[in-house]
């Protein structure tokens, strides 16, 4: 899979990147893929992946693309179920992590970000249209990499 992206950022008065020059990123073939998943308008919800789907027990990172705005819920069920929400904007490829915090107090802050501890792998991905805006159903592609 190959992606072409453009970006431009200003860091300490130093320009990085160029909006007019695309950078190509090549990824190995995904370990798991769902393409053209239909998620209904009016807060429709789908679960495109759970542990062992496609023989995959965990993933390192994923990429999700949708033609409508939606939320992605990354869940783990170790002890008390936990989740992290990721907002996906229409037409914007969004990377999703394969881990979330291990306790209800850690989520995606505290030790998870500071020391890299208290991780648990995601065991379910759920997507939901975040509006009943009459724009229509979302078409979603999900790619998971190990």
Foldseek 3Di string as FASTA:
>chain_A
DKDWAFDWDADPNDIDTDRVDTDIDDDDAFLDKDFFDKAWAPWGKDWPFFACVSHHRFFAKKKKAKQAKKKKWFWDPDPNIDTDIDIHHHGDIDMGGQWFAQDPVPGCDDCCPPPVPRIDGGGTMMMIHPHNPVPTIMTMMMGTHD
